């Protein structure tokens, strides 16, 4: 089945082109700030708080902020409270099993519990298929 998925993905890429390269460091944050700033300008210029252009710009900024994130290695940084949800959970990757799990990132001793990478709780981990 894995080869079927890979072959399908390759066929889609061959037909529709290659995906854009990942954003440079800070590029998404810069675009989000620009969109939000210009949405505020649009609101002030129109005087209408329900302005459709402003709403679309804010929605675009929101979607950019939610984009798939690159997993962070535990050797780079451990998740902090700002990376966890209200229960103190975040996404952790158990590389040995290629499994993402939403759970408390630390055991009773305050250390990672066998996982190698993590993502903030608001992220959506995407599966990767290795050949």
C-alpha atoms as a PDB file:
ATOM      1  CA  UNK A   1       0.000   0.000   0.000  1.00  0.00           C
ATOM      2  CA  UNK A   2       2.889   2.366   0.781  1.00  0.00           C
ATOM      3  CA  UNK A   3       4.129   2.099  -2.815  1.00  0.00           C
ATOM      4  CA  UNK A   4       0.606   2.879  -4.075  1.00  0.00           C
ATOM      5  CA  UNK A   5       0.581   6.086  -2.037  1.00  0.00           C
ATOM      6  CA  UNK A   6       4.055   7.040  -3.263  1.00  0.00           C
ATOM      7  CA  UNK A   7       3.148   6.329  -6.878  1.00  0.00           C
ATOM      8  CA  UNK A   8      -0.036   8.370  -6.565  1.00  0.00           C
ATOM      9  CA  UNK A   9       1.875  11.296  -5.026  1.00  0.00           C
ATOM     10  CA  UNK A  10       4.476  11.127  -7.789  1.00  0.00           C
ATOM     11  CA  UNK A  11       1.746  11.129 -10.466  1.00  0.00           C
ATOM     12  CA  UNK A  12       0.094  14.184  -8.915  1.00  0.00           C
ATOM     13  CA  UNK A  13       3.421  16.025  -8.739  1.00  0.00           C
ATOM     14  CA  UNK A  14       4.263  15.086 -12.329  1.00  0.00           C
ATOM     15  CA  UNK A  15       0.927  16.432 -13.536  1.00  0.00           C
ATOM     16  CA  UNK A  16       0.594  19.542 -11.375  1.00  0.00           C
ATOM     17  CA  UNK A  17       4.203  20.544 -10.810  1.00  0.00           C
ATOM     18  CA  UNK A  18       6.381  20.596  -7.765  1.00  0.00           C
ATOM     19  CA  UNK A  19       5.444  22.194  -4.475  1.00  0.00           C
ATOM     20  CA  UNK A  20       6.950  25.554  -3.595  1.00  0.00           C
ATOM     21  CA  UNK A  21      10.089  25.448  -1.478  1.00  0.00           C
ATOM     22  CA  UNK A  22       9.557  25.782   2.270  1.00  0.00           C
ATOM     23  CA  UNK A  23       9.513  29.339   3.608  1.00  0.00           C
ATOM     24  CA  UNK A  24      12.759  30.906   4.783  1.00  0.00           C
ATOM     25  CA  UNK A  25      13.299  31.443   8.507  1.00  0.00           C
ATOM     26  CA  UNK A  26      10.944  34.166   9.694  1.00  0.00           C
ATOM     27  CA  UNK A  27       9.212  34.529   6.315  1.00  0.00           C
ATOM     28  CA  UNK A  28       5.803  33.309   7.500  1.00  0.00           C
ATOM     29  CA  UNK A  29       5.875  35.513  10.598  1.00  0.00           C
ATOM     30  CA  UNK A  30       6.800  38.494   8.408  1.00  0.00           C
ATOM     31  CA  UNK A  31       3.906  37.801   6.012  1.00  0.00           C
ATOM     32  CA  UNK A  32       1.448  37.332   8.888  1.00  0.00           C
ATOM     33  CA  UNK A  33       2.501  40.660  10.410  1.00  0.00           C
ATOM     34  CA  UNK A  34       2.167  42.384   7.013  1.00  0.00           C
ATOM     35  CA  UNK A  35      -1.299  40.923   6.415  1.00  0.00           C
ATOM     36  CA  UNK A  36      -2.543  41.887   9.870  1.00  0.00           C
ATOM     37  CA  UNK A  37      -1.099  45.411   9.572  1.00  0.00           C
ATOM     38  CA  UNK A  38      -2.643  45.951   6.150  1.00  0.00           C
ATOM     39  CA  UNK A  39      -5.965  44.472   7.287  1.00  0.00           C
ATOM     40  CA  UNK A  40      -6.036  47.147   9.987  1.00  0.00           C
ATOM     41  CA  UNK A  41      -5.265  49.801   7.343  1.00  0.00           C
ATOM     42  CA  UNK A  42      -8.132  48.489   5.176  1.00  0.00           C
ATOM     43  CA  UNK A  43     -10.486  48.674   8.172  1.00  0.00           C
ATOM     44  CA  UNK A  44      -9.475  52.259   8.971  1.00  0.00           C
ATOM     45  CA  UNK A  45      -9.757  53.353   5.331  1.00  0.00           C
ATOM     46  CA  UNK A  46     -13.196  51.833   4.827  1.00  0.00           C
ATOM     47  CA  UNK A  47     -14.626  52.682   8.237  1.00  0.00           C
ATOM     48  CA  UNK A  48     -16.531  49.421   7.993  1.00  0.00           C
ATOM     49  CA  UNK A  49     -15.588  46.798  10.623  1.00  0.00           C
ATOM     50  CA  UNK A  50     -17.238  44.056   8.546  1.00  0.00           C
ATOM     51  CA  UNK A  51     -15.162  44.835   5.451  1.00  0.00           C
ATOM     52  CA  UNK A  52     -14.741  41.679   3.322  1.00  0.00           C
ATOM     53  CA  UNK A  53     -11.160  42.449   2.277  1.00  0.00           C
ATOM     54  CA  UNK A  54     -10.116  42.870   5.898  1.00  0.00           C
ATOM     55  CA  UNK A  55     -11.750  39.582   6.833  1.00  0.00           C
ATOM     56  CA  UNK A  56      -9.989  37.763   3.977  1.00  0.00           C
ATOM     57  CA  UNK A  57      -6.626  39.232   4.956  1.00  0.00           C
ATOM     58  CA  UNK A  58      -7.098  38.184   8.590  1.00  0.00           C
ATOM     59  CA  UNK A  59      -8.169  34.705   7.469  1.00  0.00           C
ATOM     60  CA  UNK A  60      -5.074  34.403   5.245  1.00  0.00           C
ATOM     61  CA  UNK A  61      -2.894  35.406   8.207  1.00  0.00           C
ATOM     62  CA  UNK A  62      -4.622  32.825  10.405  1.00  0.00           C
ATOM     63  CA  UNK A  63      -4.079  30.059   7.845  1.00  0.00           C
ATOM     64  CA  UNK A  64      -0.411  30.966   7.434  1.00  0.00           C
ATOM     65  CA  UNK A  65       0.046  30.722  11.191  1.00  0.00           C
ATOM     66  CA  UNK A  66      -1.495  27.243  11.160  1.00  0.00           C
ATOM     67  CA  UNK A  67       0.706  25.872   8.402  1.00  0.00           C
ATOM     68  CA  UNK A  68       2.442  22.558   8.973  1.00  0.00           C
ATOM     69  CA  UNK A  69       5.466  23.148  11.153  1.00  0.00           C
ATOM     70  CA  UNK A  70       8.851  21.483  11.033  1.00  0.00           C
ATOM     71  CA  UNK A  71       9.276  19.110  13.986  1.00  0.00           C
ATOM     72  CA  UNK A  72      11.731  20.293  16.630  1.00  0.00           C
ATOM     73  CA  UNK A  73      14.397  17.853  17.788  1.00  0.00           C
ATOM     74  CA  UNK A  74      14.754  17.368  21.538  1.00  0.00           C
ATOM     75  CA  UNK A  75      18.468  18.088  21.050  1.00  0.00           C
ATOM     76  CA  UNK A  76      17.542  21.620  19.834  1.00  0.00           C
ATOM     77  CA  UNK A  77      14.929  22.574  22.391  1.00  0.00           C
ATOM     78  CA  UNK A  78      12.367  21.001  24.668  1.00  0.00           C
ATOM     79  CA  UNK A  79       8.741  22.184  24.546  1.00  0.00           C
ATOM     80  CA  UNK A  80       7.757  24.892  27.000  1.00  0.00           C
ATOM     81  CA  UNK A  81       4.362  25.852  28.416  1.00  0.00           C
ATOM     82  CA  UNK A  82       3.713  28.102  25.386  1.00  0.00           C
ATOM     83  CA  UNK A  83       3.991  25.025  23.123  1.00  0.00           C
ATOM     84  CA  UNK A  84       1.437  22.984  25.061  1.00  0.00           C
ATOM     85  CA  UNK A  85      -2.340  23.100  25.270  1.00  0.00           C
ATOM     86  CA  UNK A  86      -4.337  23.913  28.402  1.00  0.00           C
ATOM     87  CA  UNK A  87      -3.720  20.367  29.693  1.00  0.00           C
ATOM     88  CA  UNK A  88       0.052  20.669  29.224  1.00  0.00           C
ATOM     89  CA  UNK A  89       0.120  18.357  26.207  1.00  0.00           C
ATOM     90  CA  UNK A  90       1.926  18.712  22.862  1.00  0.00           C
ATOM     91  CA  UNK A  91       2.624  16.456  19.883  1.00  0.00           C
ATOM     92  CA  UNK A  92       5.560  14.100  20.398  1.00  0.00           C
ATOM     93  CA  UNK A  93       7.174  11.790  17.825  1.00  0.00           C
ATOM     94  CA  UNK A  94       8.302   8.313  18.722  1.00  0.00           C
ATOM     95  CA  UNK A  95      10.754   7.769  15.855  1.00  0.00           C
ATOM     96  CA  UNK A  96      11.174   4.064  16.570  1.00  0.00           C
ATOM     97  CA  UNK A  97       7.488   3.593  15.709  1.00  0.00           C
ATOM     98  CA  UNK A  98       7.021   6.640  13.401  1.00  0.00           C
ATOM     99  CA  UNK A  99       4.086   7.664  15.583  1.00  0.00           C
ATOM    100  CA  UNK A 100       2.876  11.145  16.566  1.00  0.00           C
ATOM    101  CA  UNK A 101       0.955  11.295  19.835  1.00  0.00           C
ATOM    102  CA  UNK A 102      -0.713  14.188  21.628  1.00  0.00           C
ATOM    103  CA  UNK A 103       0.334  13.716  25.237  1.00  0.00           C
ATOM    104  CA  UNK A 104       2.172  15.243  28.175  1.00  0.00           C
ATOM    105  CA  UNK A 105       5.759  15.659  26.946  1.00  0.00           C
ATOM    106  CA  UNK A 106       7.473  14.816  30.222  1.00  0.00           C
ATOM    107  CA  UNK A 107       7.479  11.859  32.562  1.00  0.00           C
ATOM    108  CA  UNK A 108       7.306  12.095  36.344  1.00  0.00           C
ATOM    109  CA  UNK A 109      11.025  12.915  36.444  1.00  0.00           C
ATOM    110  CA  UNK A 110      10.467  15.968  34.185  1.00  0.00           C
ATOM    111  CA  UNK A 111      12.378  14.423  31.269  1.00  0.00           C
ATOM    112  CA  UNK A 112      11.204  13.411  27.761  1.00  0.00           C
ATOM    113  CA  UNK A 113       9.647   9.959  27.728  1.00  0.00           C
ATOM    114  CA  UNK A 114      11.331   8.277  24.751  1.00  0.00           C
ATOM    115  CA  UNK A 115      10.364  10.662  21.985  1.00  0.00           C
ATOM    116  CA  UNK A 116      12.815  12.403  19.667  1.00  0.00           C
ATOM    117  CA  UNK A 117      10.876  15.350  18.161  1.00  0.00           C
ATOM    118  CA  UNK A 118       7.915  17.507  19.092  1.00  0.00           C
ATOM    119  CA  UNK A 119       5.416  20.026  17.683  1.00  0.00           C
ATOM    120  CA  UNK A 120       3.219  22.580  19.438  1.00  0.00           C
ATOM    121  CA  UNK A 121      -0.240  21.388  20.452  1.00  0.00           C
ATOM    122  CA  UNK A 122      -1.908  23.597  17.810  1.00  0.00           C
ATOM    123  CA  UNK A 123       0.093  22.037  14.954  1.00  0.00           C
ATOM    124  CA  UNK A 124      -1.107  19.186  12.831  1.00  0.00           C
ATOM    125  CA  UNK A 125       1.690  16.655  12.312  1.00  0.00           C
ATOM    126  CA  UNK A 126       1.798  15.369   8.772  1.00  0.00           C
ATOM    127  CA  UNK A 127       2.868  11.803   8.045  1.00  0.00           C
ATOM    128  CA  UNK A 128       6.010  11.297   6.037  1.00  0.00           C
ATOM    129  CA  UNK A 129       6.694   8.238   3.931  1.00  0.00           C
ATOM    130  CA  UNK A 130      10.303   7.180   3.631  1.00  0.00           C
ATOM    131  CA  UNK A 131      11.518   4.945   0.841  1.00  0.00           C
END
